[in-house]
PDB file of N, CA and C in Angstrom:
ATOM      1  N   MET A   1      -5.552 -26.276  15.367  1.00  0.00           N
ATOM      2  CA  MET A   1      -5.601 -24.965  14.752  1.00  0.00           C
ATOM      3  C   MET A   1      -6.439 -25.046  13.481  1.00  0.00           C
ATOM      4  N   ALA A   2      -7.272 -24.063  13.269  1.00  0.00           N
ATOM      5  CA  ALA A   2      -8.136 -24.015  12.078  1.00  0.00           C
ATOM      6  C   ALA A   2      -7.337 -23.516  10.877  1.00  0.00           C
ATOM      7  N   TYR A   3      -7.959 -23.602   9.711  1.00  0.00           N
ATOM      8  CA  TYR A   3      -7.325 -23.117   8.484  1.00  0.00           C
ATOM      9  C   TYR A   3      -7.188 -21.596   8.529  1.00  0.00           C
ATOM     10  N   ASP A   4      -6.351 -21.070   7.665  1.00  0.00           N
ATOM     11  CA  ASP A   4      -6.083 -19.642   7.562  1.00  0.00           C
ATOM     12  C   ASP A   4      -7.240 -18.971   6.817  1.00  0.00           C
ATOM     13  N   GLU A   5      -8.086 -18.258   7.541  1.00  0.00           N
ATOM     14  CA  GLU A   5      -9.263 -17.632   6.932  1.00  0.00           C
ATOM     15  C   GLU A   5      -8.889 -16.529   5.946  1.00  0.00           C
ATOM     16  N   GLU A   6      -7.805 -15.832   6.198  1.00  0.00           N
ATOM     17  CA  GLU A   6      -7.348 -14.800   5.255  1.00  0.00           C
ATOM     18  C   GLU A   6      -6.946 -15.451   3.928  1.00  0.00           C
ATOM     19  N   LEU A   7      -6.243 -16.573   4.004  1.00  0.00           N
ATOM     20  CA  LEU A   7      -5.867 -17.286   2.783  1.00  0.00           C
ATOM     21  C   LEU A   7      -7.121 -17.772   2.057  1.00  0.00           C
ATOM     22  N   ALA A   8      -8.089 -18.278   2.782  1.00  0.00           N
ATOM     23  CA  ALA A   8      -9.335 -18.745   2.154  1.00  0.00           C
ATOM     24  C   ALA A   8     -10.011 -17.604   1.393  1.00  0.00           C
ATOM     25  N   GLU A   9     -10.016 -16.425   1.977  1.00  0.00           N
ATOM     26  CA  GLU A   9     -10.618 -15.272   1.304  1.00  0.00           C
ATOM     27  C   GLU A   9      -9.817 -14.894   0.053  1.00  0.00           C
ATOM     28  N   ARG A  10      -8.519 -14.965   0.138  1.00  0.00           N
ATOM     29  CA  ARG A  10      -7.674 -14.683  -1.038  1.00  0.00           C
ATOM     30  C   ARG A  10      -7.935 -15.699  -2.147  1.00  0.00           C
ATOM     31  N   ILE A  11      -8.138 -16.969  -1.768  1.00  0.00           N
ATOM     32  CA  ILE A  11      -8.448 -17.996  -2.762  1.00  0.00           C
ATOM     33  C   ILE A  11      -9.767 -17.655  -3.449  1.00  0.00           C
ATOM     34  N   ARG A  12     -10.760 -17.295  -2.683  1.00  0.00           N
ATOM     35  CA  ARG A  12     -12.067 -16.917  -3.256  1.00  0.00           C
ATOM     36  C   ARG A  12     -11.913 -15.808  -4.295  1.00  0.00           C
ATOM     37  N   ASP A  13     -11.032 -14.859  -4.002  1.00  0.00           N
ATOM     38  CA  ASP A  13     -10.805 -13.740  -4.915  1.00  0.00           C
ATOM     39  C   ASP A  13     -10.204 -14.183  -6.252  1.00  0.00           C
ATOM     40  N   HIS A  14      -9.553 -15.343  -6.258  1.00  0.00           N
ATOM     41  CA  HIS A  14      -8.859 -15.804  -7.466  1.00  0.00           C
ATOM     42  C   HIS A  14      -9.610 -16.872  -8.252  1.00  0.00           C
ATOM     43  N   ILE A  15     -10.725 -17.352  -7.734  1.00  0.00           N
ATOM     44  CA  ILE A  15     -11.495 -18.367  -8.466  1.00  0.00           C
ATOM     45  C   ILE A  15     -12.586 -17.657  -9.264  1.00  0.00           C
ATOM     46  N   ASP A  16     -12.669 -17.985 -10.525  1.00  0.00           N
ATOM     47  CA  ASP A  16     -13.663 -17.391 -11.419  1.00  0.00           C
ATOM     48  C   ASP A  16     -15.052 -17.563 -10.824  1.00  0.00           C
ATOM     49  N   PRO A  17     -15.759 -16.461 -10.584  1.00  0.00           N
ATOM     50  CA  PRO A  17     -17.095 -16.569  -9.979  1.00  0.00           C
ATOM     51  C   PRO A  17     -18.106 -17.278 -10.883  1.00  0.00           C
ATOM     52  N   GLY A  18     -17.793 -17.451 -12.156  1.00  0.00           N
ATOM     53  CA  GLY A  18     -18.684 -18.156 -13.069  1.00  0.00           C
ATOM     54  C   GLY A  18     -18.633 -19.670 -12.910  1.00  0.00           C
ATOM     55  N   LEU A  19     -17.648 -20.157 -12.170  1.00  0.00           N
ATOM     56  CA  LEU A  19     -17.535 -21.600 -11.945  1.00  0.00           C
ATOM     57  C   LEU A  19     -18.440 -22.019 -10.798  1.00  0.00           C
ATOM     58  N   ALA A  20     -18.927 -23.230 -10.873  1.00  0.00           N
ATOM     59  CA  ALA A  20     -19.737 -23.786  -9.786  1.00  0.00           C
ATOM     60  C   ALA A  20     -18.782 -24.305  -8.712  1.00  0.00           C
ATOM     61  N   VAL A  21     -18.433 -23.435  -7.788  1.00  0.00           N
ATOM     62  CA  VAL A  21     -17.484 -23.774  -6.728  1.00  0.00           C
ATOM     63  C   VAL A  21     -18.254 -24.081  -5.461  1.00  0.00           C
ATOM     64  N   THR A  22     -17.851 -25.140  -4.797  1.00  0.00           N
ATOM     65  CA  THR A  22     -18.390 -25.415  -3.473  1.00  0.00           C
ATOM     66  C   THR A  22     -17.229 -25.430  -2.499  1.00  0.00           C
ATOM     67  N   GLU A  23     -17.517 -25.052  -1.281  1.00  0.00           N
ATOM     68  CA  GLU A  23     -16.519 -25.053  -0.221  1.00  0.00           C
ATOM     69  C   GLU A  23     -16.912 -26.116   0.794  1.00  0.00           C
ATOM     70  N   GLN A  24     -15.909 -26.828   1.275  1.00  0.00           N
ATOM     71  CA  GLN A  24     -16.194 -27.893   2.234  1.00  0.00           C
ATOM     72  C   GLN A  24     -15.049 -27.996   3.231  1.00  0.00           C
ATOM     73  N   LYS A  25     -15.384 -27.996   4.503  1.00  0.00           N
ATOM     74  CA  LYS A  25     -14.357 -28.194   5.524  1.00  0.00           C
ATOM     75  C   LYS A  25     -13.975 -29.666   5.521  1.00  0.00           C
ATOM     76  N   MET A  26     -12.683 -29.906   5.423  1.00  0.00           N
ATOM     77  CA  MET A  26     -12.183 -31.282   5.492  1.00  0.00           C
ATOM     78  C   MET A  26     -10.713 -31.290   5.868  1.00  0.00           C
ATOM     79  N   PHE A  27     -10.311 -32.307   6.582  1.00  0.00           N
ATOM     80  CA  PHE A  27      -8.925 -32.502   7.008  1.00  0.00           C
ATOM     81  C   PHE A  27      -8.374 -31.273   7.729  1.00  0.00           C
ATOM     82  N   GLY A  28      -9.211 -30.548   8.456  1.00  0.00           N
ATOM     83  CA  GLY A  28      -8.768 -29.381   9.189  1.00  0.00           C
ATOM     84  C   GLY A  28      -8.583 -28.149   8.337  1.00  0.00           C
ATOM     85  N   GLY A  29      -8.976 -28.222   7.080  1.00  0.00           N
ATOM     86  CA  GLY A  29      -8.836 -27.083   6.184  1.00  0.00           C
ATOM     87  C   GLY A  29     -10.159 -26.758   5.519  1.00  0.00           C
ATOM     88  N   LEU A  30     -10.101 -25.819   4.580  1.00  0.00           N
ATOM     89  CA  LEU A  30     -11.275 -25.459   3.800  1.00  0.00           C
ATOM     90  C   LEU A  30     -10.953 -25.735   2.342  1.00  0.00           C
ATOM     91  N   ALA A  31     -11.652 -26.732   1.784  1.00  0.00           N
ATOM     92  CA  ALA A  31     -11.412 -27.152   0.403  1.00  0.00           C
ATOM     93  C   ALA A  31     -12.349 -26.426  -0.545  1.00  0.00           C
ATOM     94  N   PHE A  32     -11.833 -26.152  -1.743  1.00  0.00           N
ATOM     95  CA  PHE A  32     -12.606 -25.540  -2.814  1.00  0.00           C
ATOM     96  C   PHE A  32     -12.731 -26.590  -3.905  1.00  0.00           C
ATOM     97  N   LEU A  33     -13.978 -26.963  -4.202  1.00  0.00           N
ATOM     98  CA  LEU A  33     -14.240 -28.025  -5.161  1.00  0.00           C
ATOM     99  C   LEU A  33     -14.893 -27.466  -6.420  1.00  0.00           C
ATOM    100  N   ILE A  34     -14.481 -28.005  -7.552  1.00  0.00           N
ATOM    101  CA  ILE A  34     -15.054 -27.654  -8.845  1.00  0.00           C
ATOM    102  C   ILE A  34     -15.666 -28.940  -9.390  1.00  0.00           C
ATOM    103  N   GLY A  35     -16.958 -28.944  -9.626  1.00  0.00           N
ATOM    104  CA  GLY A  35     -17.614 -30.151 -10.114  1.00  0.00           C
ATOM    105  C   GLY A  35     -17.442 -31.331  -9.184  1.00  0.00           C
ATOM    106  N   GLY A  36     -17.318 -31.050  -7.878  1.00  0.00           N
ATOM    107  CA  GLY A  36     -17.149 -32.116  -6.896  1.00  0.00           C
ATOM    108  C   GLY A  36     -15.723 -32.585  -6.716  1.00  0.00           C
ATOM    109  N   ASN A  37     -14.793 -32.034  -7.476  1.00  0.00           N
ATOM    110  CA  ASN A  37     -13.371 -32.415  -7.389  1.00  0.00           C
ATOM    111  C   ASN A  37     -12.592 -31.318  -6.673  1.00  0.00           C
ATOM    112  N   MET A  38     -11.811 -31.713  -5.659  1.00  0.00           N
ATOM    113  CA  MET A  38     -11.033 -30.720  -4.948  1.00  0.00           C
ATOM    114  C   MET A  38      -9.983 -30.105  -5.874  1.00  0.00           C
ATOM    115  N   ALA A  39      -9.918 -28.778  -5.839  1.00  0.00           N
ATOM    116  CA  ALA A  39      -8.927 -28.046  -6.620  1.00  0.00           C
ATOM    117  C   ALA A  39      -7.796 -27.561  -5.711  1.00  0.00           C
ATOM    118  N   VAL A  40      -8.170 -26.846  -4.656  1.00  0.00           N
ATOM    119  CA  VAL A  40      -7.214 -26.321  -3.684  1.00  0.00           C
ATOM    120  C   VAL A  40      -7.861 -26.340  -2.307  1.00  0.00           C
ATOM    121  N   SER A  41      -7.017 -26.199  -1.292  1.00  0.00           N
ATOM    122  CA  SER A  41      -7.522 -26.141   0.071  1.00  0.00           C
ATOM    123  C   SER A  41      -6.604 -25.261   0.906  1.00  0.00           C
ATOM    124  N   ALA A  42      -7.206 -24.394   1.712  1.00  0.00           N
ATOM    125  CA  ALA A  42      -6.455 -23.646   2.719  1.00  0.00           C
ATOM    126  C   ALA A  42      -6.291 -24.604   3.892  1.00  0.00           C
ATOM    127  N   VAL A  43      -5.058 -24.909   4.254  1.00  0.00           N
ATOM    128  CA  VAL A  43      -4.818 -25.920   5.285  1.00  0.00           C
ATOM    129  C   VAL A  43      -4.390 -25.295   6.603  1.00  0.00           C
ATOM    130  N   ARG A  44      -4.335 -26.135   7.612  1.00  0.00           N
ATOM    131  CA  ARG A  44      -4.102 -25.693   8.994  1.00  0.00           C
ATOM    132  C   ARG A  44      -2.866 -24.831   9.187  1.00  0.00           C
ATOM    133  N   ASP A  45      -1.788 -25.157   8.529  1.00  0.00           N
ATOM    134  CA  ASP A  45      -0.533 -24.441   8.790  1.00  0.00           C
ATOM    135  C   ASP A  45      -0.437 -23.115   8.052  1.00  0.00           C
ATOM    136  N   GLY A  46      -1.507 -22.730   7.355  1.00  0.00           N
ATOM    137  CA  GLY A  46      -1.476 -21.500   6.580  1.00  0.00           C
ATOM    138  C   GLY A  46      -1.031 -21.734   5.157  1.00  0.00           C
ATOM    139  N   GLY A  47      -0.713 -22.964   4.831  1.00  0.00           N
ATOM    140  CA  GLY A  47      -0.288 -23.299   3.484  1.00  0.00           C
ATOM    141  C   GLY A  47      -1.465 -23.658   2.601  1.00  0.00           C
ATOM    142  N   LEU A  48      -1.123 -24.071   1.409  1.00  0.00           N
ATOM    143  CA  LEU A  48      -2.114 -24.393   0.391  1.00  0.00           C
ATOM    144  C   LEU A  48      -1.897 -25.816  -0.087  1.00  0.00           C
ATOM    145  N   LEU A  49      -2.964 -26.581  -0.158  1.00  0.00           N
ATOM    146  CA  LEU A  49      -2.944 -27.909  -0.761  1.00  0.00           C
ATOM    147  C   LEU A  49      -3.493 -27.725  -2.170  1.00  0.00           C
ATOM    148  N   VAL A  50      -2.741 -28.179  -3.160  1.00  0.00           N
ATOM    149  CA  VAL A  50      -3.118 -27.992  -4.562  1.00  0.00           C
ATOM    150  C   VAL A  50      -3.149 -29.340  -5.254  1.00  0.00           C
ATOM    151  N   ARG A  51      -4.230 -29.593  -5.981  1.00  0.00           N
ATOM    152  CA  ARG A  51      -4.335 -30.817  -6.775  1.00  0.00           C
ATOM    153  C   ARG A  51      -3.843 -30.507  -8.184  1.00  0.00           C
ATOM    154  N   VAL A  52      -2.872 -31.289  -8.643  1.00  0.00           N
ATOM    155  CA  VAL A  52      -2.290 -31.083  -9.970  1.00  0.00           C
ATOM    156  C   VAL A  52      -2.270 -32.401 -10.721  1.00  0.00           C
ATOM    157  N   ASP A  53      -2.048 -32.316 -12.008  1.00  0.00           N
ATOM    158  CA  ASP A  53      -1.888 -33.515 -12.814  1.00  0.00           C
ATOM    159  C   ASP A  53      -0.697 -34.301 -12.259  1.00  0.00           C
ATOM    160  N   PRO A  54      -0.882 -35.552 -11.867  1.00  0.00           N
ATOM    161  CA  PRO A  54       0.211 -36.327 -11.289  1.00  0.00           C
ATOM    162  C   PRO A  54       1.440 -36.421 -12.193  1.00  0.00           C
ATOM    163  N   THR A  55       1.245 -36.337 -13.498  1.00  0.00           N
ATOM    164  CA  THR A  55       2.395 -36.411 -14.405  1.00  0.00           C
ATOM    165  C   THR A  55       3.218 -35.123 -14.391  1.00  0.00           C
ATOM    166  N   GLU A  56       2.660 -34.043 -13.863  1.00  0.00           N
ATOM    167  CA  GLU A  56       3.373 -32.757 -13.796  1.00  0.00           C
ATOM    168  C   GLU A  56       3.862 -32.425 -12.393  1.00  0.00           C
ATOM    169  N   ALA A  57       3.431 -33.175 -11.410  1.00  0.00           N
ATOM    170  CA  ALA A  57       3.721 -32.850 -10.012  1.00  0.00           C
ATOM    171  C   ALA A  57       5.215 -32.778  -9.729  1.00  0.00           C
ATOM    172  N   GLU A  58       5.963 -33.721 -10.215  1.00  0.00           N
ATOM    173  CA  GLU A  58       7.401 -33.792  -9.918  1.00  0.00           C
ATOM    174  C   GLU A  58       8.137 -32.517 -10.332  1.00  0.00           C
ATOM    175  N   ARG A  59       7.812 -31.979 -11.477  1.00  0.00           N
ATOM    176  CA  ARG A  59       8.529 -30.784 -11.961  1.00  0.00           C
ATOM    177  C   ARG A  59       8.167 -29.525 -11.174  1.00  0.00           C
ATOM    178  N   LEU A  60       7.065 -29.551 -10.429  1.00  0.00           N
ATOM    179  CA  LEU A  60       6.637 -28.390  -9.655  1.00  0.00           C
ATOM    180  C   LEU A  60       7.238 -28.361  -8.247  1.00  0.00           C
ATOM    181  N   LEU A  61       7.868 -29.454  -7.852  1.00  0.00           N
ATOM    182  CA  LEU A  61       8.433 -29.544  -6.506  1.00  0.00           C
ATOM    183  C   LEU A  61       9.694 -28.711  -6.359  1.00  0.00           C
ATOM    184  N   ASP A  62       9.870 -28.152  -5.174  1.00  0.00           N
ATOM    185  CA  ASP A  62      11.170 -27.646  -4.752  1.00  0.00           C
ATOM    186  C   ASP A  62      11.267 -28.020  -3.282  1.00  0.00           C
ATOM    187  N   ASP A  63      12.445 -28.206  -2.806  1.00  0.00           N
ATOM    188  CA  ASP A  63      12.597 -28.756  -1.458  1.00  0.00           C
ATOM    189  C   ASP A  63      12.242 -27.786  -0.345  1.00  0.00           C
ATOM    190  N   ASP A  64      12.058 -26.525  -0.690  1.00  0.00           N
ATOM    191  CA  ASP A  64      11.799 -25.534   0.348  1.00  0.00           C
ATOM    192  C   ASP A  64      10.325 -25.237   0.546  1.00  0.00           C
ATOM    193  N   SER A  65       9.629 -24.899  -0.536  1.00  0.00           N
ATOM    194  CA  SER A  65       8.267 -24.404  -0.353  1.00  0.00           C
ATOM    195  C   SER A  65       7.181 -25.250  -1.006  1.00  0.00           C
ATOM    196  N   VAL A  66       7.535 -26.120  -1.919  1.00  0.00           N
ATOM    197  CA  VAL A  66       6.541 -26.968  -2.582  1.00  0.00           C
ATOM    198  C   VAL A  66       6.977 -28.423  -2.429  1.00  0.00           C
ATOM    199  N   THR A  67       6.141 -29.184  -1.715  1.00  0.00           N
ATOM    200  CA  THR A  67       6.461 -30.582  -1.445  1.00  0.00           C
ATOM    201  C   THR A  67       5.244 -31.452  -1.743  1.00  0.00           C
ATOM    202  N   THR A  68       5.489 -32.742  -1.900  1.00  0.00           N
ATOM    203  CA  THR A  68       4.385 -33.681  -2.070  1.00  0.00           C
ATOM    204  C   THR A  68       3.636 -33.785  -0.752  1.00  0.00           C
ATOM    205  N   MET A  69       2.324 -33.730  -0.818  1.00  0.00           N
ATOM    206  CA  MET A  69       1.496 -33.858   0.385  1.00  0.00           C
ATOM    207  C   MET A  69       1.653 -35.267   0.946  1.00  0.00           C
ATOM    208  N   THR A  70       1.818 -35.340   2.248  1.00  0.00           N
ATOM    209  CA  THR A  70       1.904 -36.623   2.931  1.00  0.00           C
ATOM    210  C   THR A  70       0.749 -36.708   3.913  1.00  0.00           C
ATOM    211  N   MET A  71       0.017 -37.798   3.833  1.00  0.00           N
ATOM    212  CA  MET A  71      -1.113 -37.989   4.737  1.00  0.00           C
ATOM    213  C   MET A  71      -1.022 -39.398   5.322  1.00  0.00           C
ATOM    214  N   GLY A  72      -1.003 -39.478   6.622  1.00  0.00           N
ATOM    215  CA  GLY A  72      -0.898 -40.780   7.274  1.00  0.00           C
ATOM    216  C   GLY A  72       0.382 -41.516   6.911  1.00  0.00           C
ATOM    217  N   GLY A  73       1.460 -40.747   6.668  1.00  0.00           N
ATOM    218  CA  GLY A  73       2.741 -41.347   6.316  1.00  0.00           C
ATOM    219  C   GLY A  73       2.859 -41.761   4.858  1.00  0.00           C
ATOM    220  N   ARG A  74       1.825 -41.500   4.074  1.00  0.00           N
ATOM    221  CA  ARG A  74       1.824 -41.905   2.664  1.00  0.00           C
ATOM    222  C   ARG A  74       1.849 -40.676   1.762  1.00  0.00           C
ATOM    223  N   GLU A  75       2.737 -40.685   0.772  1.00  0.00           N
ATOM    224  CA  GLU A  75       2.794 -39.587  -0.188  1.00  0.00           C
ATOM    225  C   GLU A  75       1.579 -39.644  -1.097  1.00  0.00           C
ATOM    226  N   MET A  76       0.971 -38.492  -1.301  1.00  0.00           N
ATOM    227  CA  MET A  76      -0.222 -38.385  -2.132  1.00  0.00           C
ATOM    228  C   MET A  76       0.190 -37.784  -3.479  1.00  0.00           C
ATOM    229  N   HIS A  77       0.452 -38.631  -4.457  1.00  0.00           N
ATOM    230  CA  HIS A  77       0.907 -38.161  -5.760  1.00  0.00           C
ATOM    231  C   HIS A  77      -0.182 -37.337  -6.442  1.00  0.00           C
ATOM    232  N   GLY A  78       0.223 -36.198  -6.964  1.00  0.00           N
ATOM    233  CA  GLY A  78      -0.723 -35.295  -7.592  1.00  0.00           C
ATOM    234  C   GLY A  78      -1.301 -34.264  -6.628  1.00  0.00           C
ATOM    235  N   TRP A  79      -0.842 -34.318  -5.386  1.00  0.00           N
ATOM    236  CA  TRP A  79      -1.275 -33.357  -4.372  1.00  0.00           C
ATOM    237  C   TRP A  79      -0.030 -32.684  -3.815  1.00  0.00           C
ATOM    238  N   LEU A  80       0.032 -31.358  -3.912  1.00  0.00           N
ATOM    239  CA  LEU A  80       1.203 -30.624  -3.465  1.00  0.00           C
ATOM    240  C   LEU A  80       0.852 -29.698  -2.314  1.00  0.00           C
ATOM    241  N   HIS A  81       1.784 -29.561  -1.392  1.00  0.00           N
ATOM    242  CA  HIS A  81       1.648 -28.607  -0.300  1.00  0.00           C
ATOM    243  C   HIS A  81       2.561 -27.429  -0.608  1.00  0.00           C
ATOM    244  N   VAL A  82       1.978 -26.228  -0.630  1.00  0.00           N
ATOM    245  CA  VAL A  82       2.737 -25.004  -0.852  1.00  0.00           C
ATOM    246  C   VAL A  82       2.811 -24.279   0.487  1.00  0.00           C
ATOM    247  N   ALA A  83       4.034 -24.042   0.943  1.00  0.00           N
ATOM    248  CA  ALA A  83       4.249 -23.420   2.246  1.00  0.00           C
ATOM    249  C   ALA A  83       3.726 -21.983   2.278  1.00  0.00           C
ATOM    250  N   PRO A  84       3.304 -21.527   3.457  1.00  0.00           N
ATOM    251  CA  PRO A  84       2.786 -20.168   3.584  1.00  0.00           C
ATOM    252  C   PRO A  84       3.736 -19.094   3.060  1.00  0.00           C
ATOM    253  N   ALA A  85       5.027 -19.280   3.280  1.00  0.00           N
ATOM    254  CA  ALA A  85       6.008 -18.278   2.846  1.00  0.00           C
ATOM    255  C   ALA A  85       6.021 -18.089   1.337  1.00  0.00           C
ATOM    256  N   ALA A  86       5.575 -19.093   0.594  1.00  0.00           N
ATOM    257  CA  ALA A  86       5.574 -19.014  -0.870  1.00  0.00           C
ATOM    258  C   ALA A  86       4.299 -18.375  -1.409  1.00  0.00           C
ATOM    259  N   LEU A  87       3.389 -17.993  -0.536  1.00  0.00           N
ATOM    260  CA  LEU A  87       2.084 -17.478  -0.967  1.00  0.00           C
ATOM    261  C   LEU A  87       1.899 -16.001  -0.639  1.00  0.00           C
ATOM    262  N   GLY A  88       2.997 -15.303  -0.422  1.00  0.00           N
ATOM    263  CA  GLY A  88       2.925 -13.917  -0.008  1.00  0.00           C
ATOM    264  C   GLY A  88       2.327 -12.972  -1.030  1.00  0.00           C
ATOM    265  N   ASP A  89       2.586 -13.209  -2.300  1.00  0.00           N
ATOM    266  CA  ASP A  89       2.054 -12.270  -3.290  1.00  0.00           C
ATOM    267  C   ASP A  89       0.903 -12.907  -4.069  1.00  0.00           C
ATOM    268  N   ASP A  90       0.005 -12.051  -4.546  1.00  0.00           N
ATOM    269  CA  ASP A  90      -1.203 -12.531  -5.215  1.00  0.00           C
ATOM    270  C   ASP A  90      -0.908 -13.204  -6.552  1.00  0.00           C
ATOM    271  N   THR A  91       0.153 -12.806  -7.222  1.00  0.00           N
ATOM    272  CA  THR A  91       0.490 -13.429  -8.509  1.00  0.00           C
ATOM    273  C   THR A  91       0.813 -14.903  -8.310  1.00  0.00           C
ATOM    274  N   THR A  92       1.622 -15.207  -7.312  1.00  0.00           N
ATOM    275  CA  THR A  92       1.999 -16.602  -7.043  1.00  0.00           C
ATOM    276  C   THR A  92       0.787 -17.409  -6.591  1.00  0.00           C
ATOM    277  N   LEU A  93      -0.019 -16.833  -5.707  1.00  0.00           N
ATOM    278  CA  LEU A  93      -1.217 -17.547  -5.263  1.00  0.00           C
ATOM    279  C   LEU A  93      -2.128 -17.829  -6.449  1.00  0.00           C
ATOM    280  N   ARG A  94      -2.329 -16.846  -7.313  1.00  0.00           N
ATOM    281  CA  ARG A  94      -3.187 -17.035  -8.489  1.00  0.00           C
ATOM    282  C   ARG A  94      -2.672 -18.184  -9.364  1.00  0.00           C
ATOM    283  N   GLU A  95      -1.361 -18.265  -9.560  1.00  0.00           N
ATOM    284  CA  GLU A  95      -0.786 -19.350 -10.370  1.00  0.00           C
ATOM    285  C   GLU A  95      -1.139 -20.710  -9.784  1.00  0.00           C
ATOM    286  N   TRP A  96      -1.015 -20.854  -8.470  1.00  0.00           N
ATOM    287  CA  TRP A  96      -1.326 -22.137  -7.829  1.00  0.00           C
ATOM    288  C   TRP A  96      -2.820 -22.438  -7.878  1.00  0.00           C
ATOM    289  N   VAL A  97      -3.641 -21.435  -7.603  1.00  0.00           N
ATOM    290  CA  VAL A  97      -5.087 -21.637  -7.658  1.00  0.00           C
ATOM    291  C   VAL A  97      -5.500 -22.016  -9.081  1.00  0.00           C
ATOM    292  N   ASP A  98      -4.957 -21.330 -10.071  1.00  0.00           N
ATOM    293  CA  ASP A  98      -5.279 -21.644 -11.470  1.00  0.00           C
ATOM    294  C   ASP A  98      -4.878 -23.069 -11.830  1.00  0.00           C
ATOM    295  N   ARG A  99      -3.733 -23.528 -11.321  1.00  0.00           N
ATOM    296  CA  ARG A  99      -3.305 -24.912 -11.582  1.00  0.00           C
ATOM    297  C   ARG A  99      -4.321 -25.900 -11.010  1.00  0.00           C
ATOM    298  N   GLY A 100      -4.684 -25.687  -9.763  1.00  0.00           N
ATOM    299  CA  GLY A 100      -5.624 -26.590  -9.108  1.00  0.00           C
ATOM    300  C   GLY A 100      -6.993 -26.575  -9.771  1.00  0.00           C
ATOM    301  N   VAL A 101      -7.487 -25.394 -10.087  1.00  0.00           N
ATOM    302  CA  VAL A 101      -8.795 -25.271 -10.730  1.00  0.00           C
ATOM    303  C   VAL A 101      -8.758 -25.897 -12.119  1.00  0.00           C
ATOM    304  N   GLY A 102      -7.684 -25.638 -12.858  1.00  0.00           N
ATOM    305  CA  GLY A 102      -7.570 -26.206 -14.210  1.00  0.00           C
ATOM    306  C   GLY A 102      -7.585 -27.722 -14.184  1.00  0.00           C
ATOM    307  N   TYR A 103      -6.868 -28.307 -13.231  1.00  0.00           N
ATOM    308  CA  TYR A 103      -6.853 -29.773 -13.170  1.00  0.00           C
ATOM    309  C   TYR A 103      -8.214 -30.310 -12.718  1.00  0.00           C
ATOM    310  N   ALA A 104      -8.817 -29.688 -11.716  1.00  0.00           N
ATOM    311  CA  ALA A 104     -10.126 -30.146 -11.250  1.00  0.00           C
ATOM    312  C   ALA A 104     -11.168 -30.078 -12.376  1.00  0.00           C
ATOM    313  N   ARG A 105     -11.085 -29.039 -13.191  1.00  0.00           N
ATOM    314  CA  ARG A 105     -12.026 -28.882 -14.315  1.00  0.00           C
ATOM    315  C   ARG A 105     -11.825 -29.950 -15.389  1.00  0.00           C
ATOM    316  N   SER A 106     -10.619 -30.528 -15.450  1.00  0.00           N
ATOM    317  CA  SER A 106     -10.330 -31.544 -16.466  1.00  0.00           C
ATOM    318  C   SER A 106     -10.890 -32.920 -16.076  1.00  0.00           C
ATOM    319  N   LEU A 107     -11.314 -33.053 -14.837  1.00  0.00           N
ATOM    320  CA  LEU A 107     -11.817 -34.340 -14.344  1.00  0.00           C
ATOM    321  C   LEU A 107     -13.319 -34.441 -14.539  1.00  0.00           C
ATOM    322  N   PRO A 108     -13.831 -35.659 -14.644  1.00  0.00           N
ATOM    323  CA  PRO A 108     -15.286 -35.831 -14.750  1.00  0.00           C
ATOM    324  C   PRO A 108     -15.980 -35.276 -13.513  1.00  0.00           C
ATOM    325  N   THR A 109     -17.121 -34.645 -13.717  1.00  0.00           N
ATOM    326  CA  THR A 109     -17.902 -34.098 -12.614  1.00  0.00           C
ATOM    327  C   THR A 109     -18.406 -35.244 -11.738  1.00  0.00           C
ATOM    328  N   LYS A 110     -18.298 -35.036 -10.423  1.00  0.00           N
ATOM    329  CA  LYS A 110     -18.823 -36.017  -9.469  1.00  0.00           C
ATOM    330  C   LYS A 110     -20.254 -35.628  -9.136  1.00  0.00           C
ATOM    331  N   LYS A 111     -21.078 -36.625  -8.978  1.00  0.00           N
ATOM    332  CA  LYS A 111     -22.487 -36.339  -8.648  1.00  0.00           C
ATOM    333  C   LYS A 111     -22.746 -36.509  -7.185  1.00  0.00           C
TER     334      LYS A 111
END
């Protein structure tokens, strides 16, 4: 199953158009990169993958809708999966997109 195109469009609506954003298909989703660093991604299940400061990730978790991303059986610290049910309103989506974009902007630009 492909990524949720409606969610991808909603993400586009929430990223500042003044930023140098690139989009790249990866891991079955559509990733949004700032300066070459992934900020967020619309993933296959309709959820959102968000890159956050690893020191803040634990406090953002809840057992229902926000979990640590697991890839290949390994937990990816600093990467959170937000379930589709938690992304129903634009205010919540904007908060997650802003978190991911803010963290990606704090990282050195990749060439």
